[in-house]
Amino acid sequence: MTEHEMFKATIYPIDSDSNKVIILTPDYIFDEVKQDEAEQFIESVYGEEDFIDSLDQNKVHNIDTIVRVSSNQKTHIITVKTKVNGKKETDFLSIDNRERTEQFLQELYQYLKDDCSFQVKEYSRWTAAFKPLLALLIIIGSGVFLTWFAQEAQNGLSRTRVVKASVYYLYKAMAFIGPTGAIIISGIALLIGMAVLAYRVKNPPIMTFIKRNN
């Protein structure tokens, strides 16, 4: 992490193997900026507007548009949710280690504290398991339905039955994979869901939230 006093800006490395960084200023988050471009910006070779124009606009976040930031303290991934002209978007930032991630969140909150709240929430094992369990139930239900649907599809459409084009193509797809294929796909999804559940129960998250006040 590098701080520059010419104007308030902090550089956070994305990872040790990349030459790209994140720049945090009181007004913007610039993501996936090349190291040399970041240094030129910091040294005021670029004006801010020219610098913004030179970047991928999907990687420039005006902090006034941020509605929610969250991060699991056991990882170094940050989820940023923004809202621009009524359109909500979600982006993910990665900083090279957990300590710098925490520093980034603390600094970002200093810029947002007049309009946002800061919260750290430690999940219990049961709370951490809730969403994965719900996902497992959905997978099981979907698997049963798709297996039945595939069987019906292989039996063929009734000539007198009128269906929408989208349903027809679904029939064709399910007829192709058949009930065995549906069972295999559902089984793989179920195994993935069980692995996620086991991981969440074993490692319940400690979440940091920055939320815009209503």
C-alpha atoms as a PDB file:
ATOM      1  CA  MET A   1       0.000   0.000   0.000  1.00  0.00           C
ATOM      2  CA  THR A   2       1.358   3.412  -0.976  1.00  0.00           C
ATOM      3  CA  GLU A   3       0.000   6.753   0.213  1.00  0.00           C
ATOM      4  CA  HIS A   4       0.722  10.042  -1.524  1.00  0.00           C
ATOM      5  CA  GLU A   5       0.314  13.385   0.164  1.00  0.00           C
ATOM      6  CA  MET A   6       0.272  15.585  -2.979  1.00  0.00           C
ATOM      7  CA  PHE A   7      -3.420  14.834  -2.891  1.00  0.00           C
ATOM      8  CA  LYS A   8      -5.167  12.101  -1.005  1.00  0.00           C
ATOM      9  CA  ALA A   9      -4.769   8.850  -2.900  1.00  0.00           C
ATOM     10  CA  THR A  10      -3.763   5.364  -1.841  1.00  0.00           C
ATOM     11  CA  ILE A  11      -2.509   2.550  -4.054  1.00  0.00           C
ATOM     12  CA  TYR A  12      -3.443  -1.020  -3.126  1.00  0.00           C
ATOM     13  CA  PRO A  13      -1.787  -3.926  -4.997  1.00  0.00           C
ATOM     14  CA  ILE A  14      -4.229  -6.459  -6.429  1.00  0.00           C
ATOM     15  CA  ASP A  15      -1.830  -9.378  -6.034  1.00  0.00           C
ATOM     16  CA  SER A  16       1.892 -10.029  -5.886  1.00  0.00           C
ATOM     17  CA  ASP A  17       2.027 -11.444  -9.427  1.00  0.00           C
ATOM     18  CA  SER A  18       0.129  -8.641 -11.135  1.00  0.00           C
ATOM     19  CA  ASN A  19       1.302  -5.196 -12.173  1.00  0.00           C
ATOM     20  CA  LYS A  20      -2.200  -3.832 -11.618  1.00  0.00           C
ATOM     21  CA  VAL A  21      -3.414  -1.910  -8.591  1.00  0.00           C
ATOM     22  CA  ILE A  22      -6.453  -0.230  -7.084  1.00  0.00           C
ATOM     23  CA  ILE A  23      -6.352   3.520  -6.435  1.00  0.00           C
ATOM     24  CA  LEU A  24      -8.608   4.911  -3.723  1.00  0.00           C
ATOM     25  CA  THR A  25      -9.273   8.653  -3.571  1.00  0.00           C
ATOM     26  CA  PRO A  26     -11.934  10.615  -1.662  1.00  0.00           C
ATOM     27  CA  ASP A  27     -14.074  10.596  -4.820  1.00  0.00           C
ATOM     28  CA  TYR A  28     -13.290   7.443  -6.775  1.00  0.00           C
ATOM     29  CA  ILE A  29     -12.177   3.835  -6.714  1.00  0.00           C
ATOM     30  CA  PHE A  30     -10.055   3.031  -9.764  1.00  0.00           C
ATOM     31  CA  ASP A  31      -9.765  -0.731 -10.252  1.00  0.00           C
ATOM     32  CA  GLU A  32      -7.230  -2.733 -12.283  1.00  0.00           C
ATOM     33  CA  VAL A  33      -4.965   0.218 -13.079  1.00  0.00           C
ATOM     34  CA  LYS A  34      -1.502  -0.555 -14.415  1.00  0.00           C
ATOM     35  CA  GLN A  35       1.195   0.254 -11.882  1.00  0.00           C
ATOM     36  CA  ASP A  36       3.003   2.747 -14.114  1.00  0.00           C
ATOM     37  CA  GLU A  37      -0.243   4.542 -15.007  1.00  0.00           C
ATOM     38  CA  ALA A  38      -1.140   4.726 -11.323  1.00  0.00           C
ATOM     39  CA  GLU A  39       2.216   6.305 -10.510  1.00  0.00           C
ATOM     40  CA  GLN A  40       1.820   8.822 -13.339  1.00  0.00           C
ATOM     41  CA  PHE A  41      -1.635   9.728 -12.071  1.00  0.00           C
ATOM     42  CA  ILE A  42      -0.360  10.144  -8.525  1.00  0.00           C
ATOM     43  CA  GLU A  43       2.431  12.381  -9.783  1.00  0.00           C
ATOM     44  CA  SER A  44      -0.222  14.496 -11.550  1.00  0.00           C
ATOM     45  CA  VAL A  45       1.014  13.715 -15.045  1.00  0.00           C
ATOM     46  CA  TYR A  46      -2.674  13.150 -15.805  1.00  0.00           C
ATOM     47  CA  GLY A  47      -5.505  15.408 -14.798  1.00  0.00           C
ATOM     48  CA  GLU A  48      -8.230  13.479 -13.006  1.00  0.00           C
ATOM     49  CA  GLU A  49     -10.743  13.783 -15.865  1.00  0.00           C
ATOM     50  CA  ASP A  50      -8.183  12.719 -18.473  1.00  0.00           C
ATOM     51  CA  PHE A  51      -7.158   9.804 -16.291  1.00  0.00           C
ATOM     52  CA  ILE A  52     -10.762   8.649 -15.867  1.00  0.00           C
ATOM     53  CA  ASP A  53     -11.326   8.866 -19.628  1.00  0.00           C
ATOM     54  CA  SER A  54      -8.288   6.654 -20.236  1.00  0.00           C
ATOM     55  CA  LEU A  55      -9.673   3.799 -18.118  1.00  0.00           C
ATOM     56  CA  ASP A  56     -12.251   1.075 -18.626  1.00  0.00           C
ATOM     57  CA  GLN A  57     -15.348   2.861 -17.312  1.00  0.00           C
ATOM     58  CA  ASN A  58     -16.595  -0.384 -15.759  1.00  0.00           C
ATOM     59  CA  LYS A  59     -13.563  -0.175 -13.462  1.00  0.00           C
ATOM     60  CA  VAL A  60     -14.204   3.378 -12.250  1.00  0.00           C
ATOM     61  CA  HIS A  61     -16.511   3.712  -9.247  1.00  0.00           C
ATOM     62  CA  ASN A  62     -17.693   7.087  -8.001  1.00  0.00           C
ATOM     63  CA  ILE A  63     -17.995   6.548  -4.256  1.00  0.00           C
ATOM     64  CA  ASP A  64     -21.161   8.657  -4.174  1.00  0.00           C
ATOM     65  CA  THR A  65     -22.875   5.841  -6.110  1.00  0.00           C
ATOM     66  CA  ILE A  66     -21.923   3.152  -3.590  1.00  0.00           C
ATOM     67  CA  VAL A  67     -24.886   1.729  -1.676  1.00  0.00           C
ATOM     68  CA  ARG A  68     -23.209  -1.232   0.007  1.00  0.00           C
ATOM     69  CA  VAL A  69     -19.751  -2.702   0.501  1.00  0.00           C
ATOM     70  CA  SER A  70     -19.136  -6.087   2.097  1.00  0.00           C
ATOM     71  CA  SER A  71     -16.160  -8.322   2.744  1.00  0.00           C
ATOM     72  CA  ASN A  72     -15.492 -11.528   4.635  1.00  0.00           C
ATOM     73  CA  GLN A  73     -12.569 -10.944   6.995  1.00  0.00           C
ATOM     74  CA  LYS A  74     -11.340 -14.459   6.208  1.00  0.00           C
ATOM     75  CA  THR A  75     -10.794 -13.556   2.547  1.00  0.00           C
ATOM     76  CA  HIS A  76      -9.464 -10.544   0.656  1.00  0.00           C
ATOM     77  CA  ILE A  77     -12.385 -10.077  -1.738  1.00  0.00           C
ATOM     78  CA  ILE A  78     -14.561  -6.966  -1.499  1.00  0.00           C
ATOM     79  CA  THR A  79     -18.064  -6.771  -2.966  1.00  0.00           C
ATOM     80  CA  VAL A  80     -19.118  -3.297  -4.079  1.00  0.00           C
ATOM     81  CA  LYS A  81     -22.731  -2.553  -4.968  1.00  0.00           C
ATOM     82  CA  THR A  82     -23.500   0.697  -6.750  1.00  0.00           C
ATOM     83  CA  LYS A  83     -26.602   2.438  -8.045  1.00  0.00           C
ATOM     84  CA  VAL A  84     -26.445   4.846 -10.981  1.00  0.00           C
ATOM     85  CA  ASN A  85     -29.610   6.354 -12.463  1.00  0.00           C
ATOM     86  CA  GLY A  86     -31.673   3.646 -10.795  1.00  0.00           C
ATOM     87  CA  LYS A  87     -29.509   0.840 -12.202  1.00  0.00           C
ATOM     88  CA  LYS A  88     -27.866  -1.417  -9.631  1.00  0.00           C
ATOM     89  CA  GLU A  89     -24.555  -3.121 -10.337  1.00  0.00           C
ATOM     90  CA  THR A  90     -22.229  -5.387  -8.382  1.00  0.00           C
ATOM     91  CA  ASP A  91     -18.467  -5.506  -8.775  1.00  0.00           C
ATOM     92  CA  PHE A  92     -15.705  -7.372  -6.976  1.00  0.00           C
ATOM     93  CA  LEU A  93     -12.370  -5.958  -5.872  1.00  0.00           C
ATOM     94  CA  SER A  94      -9.358  -8.018  -4.889  1.00  0.00           C
ATOM     95  CA  ILE A  95      -6.491  -6.758  -2.730  1.00  0.00           C
ATOM     96  CA  ASP A  96      -3.372  -8.821  -2.196  1.00  0.00           C
ATOM     97  CA  ASN A  97      -3.819  -9.598   1.501  1.00  0.00           C
ATOM     98  CA  ARG A  98      -6.337  -9.373   4.297  1.00  0.00           C
ATOM     99  CA  GLU A  99      -4.524  -6.641   6.237  1.00  0.00           C
ATOM    100  CA  ARG A 100      -4.536  -4.270   3.268  1.00  0.00           C
ATOM    101  CA  THR A 101      -8.156  -5.184   2.577  1.00  0.00           C
ATOM    102  CA  GLU A 102      -9.077  -4.030   6.082  1.00  0.00           C
ATOM    103  CA  GLN A 103      -7.086  -0.824   5.583  1.00  0.00           C
ATOM    104  CA  PHE A 104      -8.935  -0.195   2.321  1.00  0.00           C
ATOM    105  CA  LEU A 105     -12.320  -0.655   4.020  1.00  0.00           C
ATOM    106  CA  GLN A 106     -11.400   1.640   6.892  1.00  0.00           C
ATOM    107  CA  GLU A 107     -10.157   4.341   4.534  1.00  0.00           C
ATOM    108  CA  LEU A 108     -13.198   4.024   2.284  1.00  0.00           C
ATOM    109  CA  TYR A 109     -15.472   4.365   5.294  1.00  0.00           C
ATOM    110  CA  GLN A 110     -13.733   7.598   6.287  1.00  0.00           C
ATOM    111  CA  TYR A 111     -14.866   9.055   2.957  1.00  0.00           C
ATOM    112  CA  LEU A 112     -18.398   7.703   3.362  1.00  0.00           C
ATOM    113  CA  LYS A 113     -19.019   7.977   7.101  1.00  0.00           C
ATOM    114  CA  ASP A 114     -21.323  10.994   6.846  1.00  0.00           C
ATOM    115  CA  ASP A 115     -23.768   8.965   4.758  1.00  0.00           C
ATOM    116  CA  CYS A 116     -22.992   5.350   5.645  1.00  0.00           C
ATOM    117  CA  SER A 117     -22.791   3.006   8.609  1.00  0.00           C
ATOM    118  CA  PHE A 118     -19.984   0.574   9.424  1.00  0.00           C
ATOM    119  CA  GLN A 119     -20.721  -2.845  10.887  1.00  0.00           C
ATOM    120  CA  VAL A 120     -18.810  -6.026  11.659  1.00  0.00           C
ATOM    121  CA  LYS A 121     -20.990  -9.121  11.981  1.00  0.00           C
ATOM    122  CA  GLU A 122     -19.763 -12.545  13.072  1.00  0.00           C
ATOM    123  CA  TYR A 123     -21.983 -15.361  11.829  1.00  0.00           C
ATOM    124  CA  SER A 124     -22.748 -18.455  13.880  1.00  0.00           C
ATOM    125  CA  ARG A 125     -22.451 -21.856  12.235  1.00  0.00           C
ATOM    126  CA  TRP A 126     -26.242 -22.108  11.912  1.00  0.00           C
ATOM    127  CA  THR A 127     -26.578 -18.645  10.409  1.00  0.00           C
ATOM    128  CA  ALA A 128     -23.751 -19.369   7.989  1.00  0.00           C
ATOM    129  CA  ALA A 129     -25.463 -22.607   6.959  1.00  0.00           C
ATOM    130  CA  PHE A 130     -28.868 -21.065   6.199  1.00  0.00           C
ATOM    131  CA  LYS A 131     -28.318 -19.943   2.592  1.00  0.00           C
ATOM    132  CA  PRO A 132     -26.406 -23.089   1.547  1.00  0.00           C
ATOM    133  CA  LEU A 133     -29.178 -25.237   3.063  1.00  0.00           C
ATOM    134  CA  LEU A 134     -31.785 -23.231   1.181  1.00  0.00           C
ATOM    135  CA  ALA A 135     -29.769 -23.669  -2.010  1.00  0.00           C
ATOM    136  CA  LEU A 136     -29.621 -27.437  -1.413  1.00  0.00           C
ATOM    137  CA  LEU A 137     -33.403 -27.595  -1.067  1.00  0.00           C
ATOM    138  CA  ILE A 138     -33.783 -25.659  -4.321  1.00  0.00           C
ATOM    139  CA  ILE A 139     -31.309 -27.986  -6.058  1.00  0.00           C
ATOM    140  CA  ILE A 140     -33.167 -31.066  -4.839  1.00  0.00           C
ATOM    141  CA  GLY A 141     -36.536 -29.656  -5.896  1.00  0.00           C
ATOM    142  CA  SER A 142     -35.187 -28.567  -9.275  1.00  0.00           C
ATOM    143  CA  GLY A 143     -33.535 -31.947  -9.780  1.00  0.00           C
ATOM    144  CA  VAL A 144     -36.780 -33.811  -9.135  1.00  0.00           C
ATOM    145  CA  PHE A 145     -38.680 -31.510 -11.490  1.00  0.00           C
ATOM    146  CA  LEU A 146     -36.077 -31.679 -14.273  1.00  0.00           C
ATOM    147  CA  THR A 147     -35.877 -35.470 -14.055  1.00  0.00           C
ATOM    148  CA  TRP A 148     -39.651 -35.712 -14.396  1.00  0.00           C
ATOM    149  CA  PHE A 149     -39.633 -33.114 -17.166  1.00  0.00           C
ATOM    150  CA  ALA A 150     -36.909 -34.982 -19.063  1.00  0.00           C
ATOM    151  CA  GLN A 151     -38.945 -38.184 -18.853  1.00  0.00           C
ATOM    152  CA  GLU A 152     -42.010 -36.376 -20.180  1.00  0.00           C
ATOM    153  CA  ALA A 153     -39.960 -34.772 -22.935  1.00  0.00           C
ATOM    154  CA  GLN A 154     -38.638 -38.132 -24.079  1.00  0.00           C
ATOM    155  CA  ASN A 155     -42.220 -39.382 -24.272  1.00  0.00           C
ATOM    156  CA  GLY A 156     -42.812 -36.648 -26.836  1.00  0.00           C
ATOM    157  CA  LEU A 157     -45.141 -33.677 -27.181  1.00  0.00           C
ATOM    158  CA  SER A 158     -48.800 -34.299 -27.821  1.00  0.00           C
ATOM    159  CA  ARG A 159     -49.789 -33.128 -31.284  1.00  0.00           C
ATOM    160  CA  THR A 160     -52.699 -31.233 -29.803  1.00  0.00           C
ATOM    161  CA  ARG A 161     -50.628 -29.479 -27.161  1.00  0.00           C
ATOM    162  CA  VAL A 162     -49.703 -25.866 -27.884  1.00  0.00           C
ATOM    163  CA  VAL A 163     -46.604 -24.575 -26.109  1.00  0.00           C
ATOM    164  CA  LYS A 164     -44.507 -21.447 -26.260  1.00  0.00           C
ATOM    165  CA  ALA A 165     -41.332 -21.551 -28.313  1.00  0.00           C
ATOM    166  CA  SER A 166     -39.178 -21.196 -25.195  1.00  0.00           C
ATOM    167  CA  VAL A 167     -40.901 -24.197 -23.598  1.00  0.00           C
ATOM    168  CA  TYR A 168     -40.527 -26.167 -26.816  1.00  0.00           C
ATOM    169  CA  TYR A 169     -36.769 -25.628 -26.843  1.00  0.00           C
ATOM    170  CA  LEU A 170     -36.620 -26.642 -23.192  1.00  0.00           C
ATOM    171  CA  TYR A 171     -38.502 -29.811 -24.118  1.00  0.00           C
ATOM    172  CA  LYS A 172     -35.983 -30.503 -26.867  1.00  0.00           C
ATOM    173  CA  ALA A 173     -33.026 -29.920 -24.538  1.00  0.00           C
ATOM    174  CA  MET A 174     -34.445 -32.137 -21.792  1.00  0.00           C
ATOM    175  CA  ALA A 175     -35.366 -34.824 -24.310  1.00  0.00           C
ATOM    176  CA  PHE A 176     -31.750 -34.773 -25.467  1.00  0.00           C
ATOM    177  CA  ILE A 177     -30.155 -35.176 -22.022  1.00  0.00           C
ATOM    178  CA  GLY A 178     -32.896 -37.476 -20.737  1.00  0.00           C
ATOM    179  CA  PRO A 179     -33.720 -38.310 -17.113  1.00  0.00           C
ATOM    180  CA  THR A 180     -30.302 -39.895 -16.577  1.00  0.00           C
ATOM    181  CA  GLY A 181     -28.570 -36.717 -17.681  1.00  0.00           C
ATOM    182  CA  ALA A 182     -30.860 -34.643 -15.464  1.00  0.00           C
ATOM    183  CA  ILE A 183     -29.999 -36.853 -12.487  1.00  0.00           C
ATOM    184  CA  ILE A 184     -26.263 -36.541 -13.193  1.00  0.00           C
ATOM    185  CA  ILE A 185     -26.421 -32.745 -13.525  1.00  0.00           C
ATOM    186  CA  SER A 186     -28.519 -32.452 -10.368  1.00  0.00           C
ATOM    187  CA  GLY A 187     -26.144 -34.776  -8.530  1.00  0.00           C
ATOM    188  CA  ILE A 188     -23.122 -32.667  -9.463  1.00  0.00           C
ATOM    189  CA  ALA A 189     -24.933 -29.502  -8.361  1.00  0.00           C
ATOM    190  CA  LEU A 190     -25.893 -31.230  -5.113  1.00  0.00           C
ATOM    191  CA  LEU A 191     -22.287 -32.237  -4.410  1.00  0.00           C
ATOM    192  CA  ILE A 192     -21.110 -28.672  -5.030  1.00  0.00           C
ATOM    193  CA  GLY A 193     -23.843 -27.358  -2.743  1.00  0.00           C
ATOM    194  CA  MET A 194     -22.856 -29.810  -0.005  1.00  0.00           C
ATOM    195  CA  ALA A 195     -19.208 -28.771  -0.315  1.00  0.00           C
ATOM    196  CA  VAL A 196     -20.188 -25.108   0.035  1.00  0.00           C
ATOM    197  CA  LEU A 197     -22.344 -25.964   3.048  1.00  0.00           C
ATOM    198  CA  ALA A 198     -19.510 -27.868   4.725  1.00  0.00           C
ATOM    199  CA  TYR A 199     -17.081 -25.008   4.096  1.00  0.00           C
ATOM    200  CA  ARG A 200     -19.479 -22.392   5.466  1.00  0.00           C
ATOM    201  CA  VAL A 201     -20.209 -24.414   8.600  1.00  0.00           C
ATOM    202  CA  LYS A 202     -16.516 -25.058   9.180  1.00  0.00           C
ATOM    203  CA  ASN A 203     -15.545 -21.445   8.437  1.00  0.00           C
ATOM    204  CA  PRO A 204     -18.433 -19.147   9.381  1.00  0.00           C
ATOM    205  CA  PRO A 205     -17.734 -15.700   7.941  1.00  0.00           C
ATOM    206  CA  ILE A 206     -16.933 -12.540   9.834  1.00  0.00           C
ATOM    207  CA  MET A 207     -18.420  -9.876   7.598  1.00  0.00           C
ATOM    208  CA  THR A 208     -17.563  -6.200   7.371  1.00  0.00           C
ATOM    209  CA  PHE A 209     -20.356  -4.041   5.962  1.00  0.00           C
ATOM    210  CA  ILE A 210     -20.475  -0.436   4.845  1.00  0.00           C
ATOM    211  CA  LYS A 211     -24.094   0.474   4.116  1.00  0.00           C
ATOM    212  CA  ARG A 212     -25.555   3.723   2.890  1.00  0.00           C
ATOM    213  CA  ASN A 213     -28.087   5.146   5.316  1.00  0.00           C
ATOM    214  CA  ASN A 214     -31.668   5.311   4.034  1.00  0.00           C
END
